[in-house]
Amino acid sequence: MQYQVGDIVRTKKTHPCGSKLWKITRVGVDFKLECIGCEKTVIMPREKALKVITKKEN
């Protein structure tokens, strides 16, 4: 699946704030994700991000 900056995605595990929705803010070798619930950002390697993301939201 192709991901672009600005896409909203759902993850397998819940963030400590209770949200499963994340906004993609950077795509490349690393993914930068911003939590929709609390606006914290996380940077993770592409391989791990692709395992964690379950689907793209509309």
N, C-alpha and C. Protein backbone atom coordinates (compact mmCIF):
# COMPACT_ATOMS: atom_id res chain seq x y z
N MET A 1 0.84 -1.18 0.00
CA MET A 1 0.00 0.00 0.00
C MET A 1 0.89 1.24 0.00
N GLN A 2 0.48 2.24 -0.75
CA GLN A 2 1.24 3.50 -0.83
C GLN A 2 0.74 4.48 0.22
N TYR A 3 1.66 5.10 0.92
CA TYR A 3 1.33 6.10 1.92
C TYR A 3 1.94 7.43 1.52
N GLN A 4 1.20 8.51 1.76
CA GLN A 4 1.67 9.85 1.44
C GLN A 4 1.55 10.73 2.68
N VAL A 5 2.28 11.83 2.66
CA VAL A 5 2.20 12.79 3.75
C VAL A 5 0.77 13.31 3.83
N GLY A 6 0.23 13.35 5.04
CA GLY A 6 -1.13 13.82 5.26
C GLY A 6 -2.15 12.71 5.40
N ASP A 7 -1.78 11.46 5.08
CA ASP A 7 -2.70 10.33 5.24
C ASP A 7 -2.96 10.07 6.72
N ILE A 8 -4.19 9.67 7.04
CA ILE A 8 -4.55 9.26 8.39
C ILE A 8 -4.59 7.73 8.38
N VAL A 9 -3.86 7.12 9.32
CA VAL A 9 -3.78 5.65 9.38
C VAL A 9 -4.17 5.15 10.77
N ARG A 10 -4.60 3.90 10.82
CA ARG A 10 -4.97 3.22 12.07
C ARG A 10 -3.86 2.22 12.39
N THR A 11 -3.49 2.12 13.68
CA THR A 11 -2.45 1.19 14.10
C THR A 11 -3.04 0.04 14.91
N LYS A 12 -2.26 -1.04 15.06
CA LYS A 12 -2.70 -2.20 15.82
C LYS A 12 -2.86 -1.87 17.30
N LYS A 13 -1.85 -1.24 17.87
CA LYS A 13 -1.87 -0.94 19.30
C LYS A 13 -2.35 0.48 19.55
N THR A 14 -2.94 0.67 20.70
CA THR A 14 -3.44 1.98 21.11
C THR A 14 -2.31 2.80 21.73
N HIS A 15 -2.26 4.08 21.41
CA HIS A 15 -1.31 5.01 22.03
C HIS A 15 -1.75 5.22 23.49
N PRO A 16 -0.87 5.54 24.40
CA PRO A 16 -1.25 5.75 25.80
C PRO A 16 -2.37 6.78 26.00
N CYS A 17 -2.55 7.69 25.07
CA CYS A 17 -3.65 8.67 25.19
C CYS A 17 -4.99 8.06 24.82
N GLY A 18 -5.00 6.87 24.22
CA GLY A 18 -6.24 6.19 23.87
C GLY A 18 -6.58 6.22 22.40
N SER A 19 -5.79 6.89 21.58
CA SER A 19 -6.08 7.01 20.15
C SER A 19 -5.34 5.94 19.35
N LYS A 20 -5.98 5.45 18.29
CA LYS A 20 -5.32 4.53 17.36
C LYS A 20 -5.07 5.21 16.02
N LEU A 21 -5.45 6.47 15.89
CA LEU A 21 -5.31 7.19 14.62
C LEU A 21 -4.07 8.06 14.63
N TRP A 22 -3.33 8.02 13.51
CA TRP A 22 -2.10 8.78 13.36
C TRP A 22 -2.10 9.49 12.01
N LYS A 23 -1.46 10.65 11.95
CA LYS A 23 -1.28 11.38 10.70
C LYS A 23 0.17 11.22 10.28
N ILE A 24 0.39 10.86 9.02
CA ILE A 24 1.74 10.71 8.50
C ILE A 24 2.29 12.09 8.13
N THR A 25 3.42 12.44 8.72
CA THR A 25 4.02 13.75 8.45
C THR A 25 5.32 13.65 7.65
N ARG A 26 5.89 12.42 7.55
CA ARG A 26 7.08 12.23 6.72
C ARG A 26 7.12 10.78 6.25
N VAL A 27 7.48 10.59 4.98
CA VAL A 27 7.59 9.25 4.40
C VAL A 27 8.96 9.15 3.74
N GLY A 28 9.60 8.03 3.92
CA GLY A 28 10.92 7.80 3.32
C GLY A 28 11.50 6.56 3.94
N VAL A 29 12.77 6.60 4.29
CA VAL A 29 13.39 5.48 4.99
C VAL A 29 12.75 5.34 6.36
N ASP A 30 12.41 6.47 6.98
CA ASP A 30 11.70 6.50 8.26
C ASP A 30 10.32 7.10 8.04
N PHE A 31 9.37 6.67 8.85
CA PHE A 31 8.04 7.28 8.88
C PHE A 31 7.96 8.16 10.11
N LYS A 32 7.39 9.35 9.97
CA LYS A 32 7.13 10.22 11.11
C LYS A 32 5.62 10.29 11.26
N LEU A 33 5.13 9.86 12.42
CA LEU A 33 3.70 9.81 12.67
C LEU A 33 3.34 10.77 13.80
N GLU A 34 2.22 11.46 13.65
CA GLU A 34 1.72 12.38 14.68
C GLU A 34 0.39 11.84 15.19
N CYS A 35 0.30 11.64 16.50
CA CYS A 35 -0.91 11.11 17.11
C CYS A 35 -2.04 12.13 16.96
N ILE A 36 -3.21 11.66 16.53
CA ILE A 36 -4.37 12.54 16.37
C ILE A 36 -4.90 12.98 17.73
N GLY A 37 -4.81 12.11 18.74
CA GLY A 37 -5.35 12.41 20.07
C GLY A 37 -4.57 13.45 20.85
N CYS A 38 -3.24 13.29 20.92
CA CYS A 38 -2.45 14.17 21.78
C CYS A 38 -1.37 14.94 21.04
N GLU A 39 -1.24 14.74 19.73
CA GLU A 39 -0.30 15.45 18.86
C GLU A 39 1.17 15.16 19.15
N LYS A 40 1.48 14.05 19.81
CA LYS A 40 2.87 13.63 20.00
C LYS A 40 3.37 13.04 18.68
N THR A 41 4.67 13.15 18.42
CA THR A 41 5.23 12.60 17.19
C THR A 41 6.16 11.44 17.50
N VAL A 42 6.18 10.48 16.59
CA VAL A 42 7.01 9.29 16.71
C VAL A 42 7.70 9.07 15.37
N ILE A 43 8.99 8.77 15.41
CA ILE A 43 9.74 8.43 14.20
C ILE A 43 10.12 6.96 14.32
N MET A 44 9.79 6.17 13.28
CA MET A 44 10.13 4.75 13.30
C MET A 44 10.59 4.31 11.93
N PRO A 45 11.41 3.27 11.87
CA PRO A 45 11.87 2.76 10.58
C PRO A 45 10.69 2.30 9.73
N ARG A 46 10.85 2.39 8.41
CA ARG A 46 9.79 2.04 7.47
C ARG A 46 9.25 0.62 7.69
N GLU A 47 10.15 -0.36 7.90
CA GLU A 47 9.73 -1.75 8.07
C GLU A 47 8.80 -1.90 9.28
N LYS A 48 9.15 -1.27 10.38
CA LYS A 48 8.34 -1.37 11.59
C LYS A 48 7.01 -0.65 11.40
N ALA A 49 7.02 0.50 10.76
CA ALA A 49 5.79 1.26 10.53
C ALA A 49 4.82 0.47 9.67
N LEU A 50 5.32 -0.21 8.65
CA LEU A 50 4.44 -0.98 7.78
C LEU A 50 3.83 -2.18 8.51
N LYS A 51 4.51 -2.71 9.52
CA LYS A 51 3.96 -3.80 10.32
C LYS A 51 2.88 -3.29 11.29
N VAL A 52 3.08 -2.08 11.82
CA VAL A 52 2.19 -1.52 12.83
C VAL A 52 0.89 -0.98 12.23
N ILE A 53 0.96 -0.43 11.03
CA ILE A 53 -0.21 0.19 10.39
C ILE A 53 -1.13 -0.90 9.87
N THR A 54 -2.43 -0.81 10.24
CA THR A 54 -3.39 -1.81 9.78
C THR A 54 -4.17 -1.35 8.54
N LYS A 55 -4.58 -0.07 8.50
CA LYS A 55 -5.30 0.42 7.33
C LYS A 55 -5.27 1.93 7.24
N LYS A 56 -5.57 2.42 6.06
CA LYS A 56 -5.64 3.85 5.80
C LYS A 56 -7.09 4.31 5.99
N GLU A 57 -7.28 5.38 6.75
CA GLU A 57 -8.63 5.91 6.99
C GLU A 57 -8.98 6.91 5.89
N ASN A 58 -10.26 7.12 5.67
CA ASN A 58 -10.72 8.07 4.65
C ASN A 58 -10.82 9.46 5.21
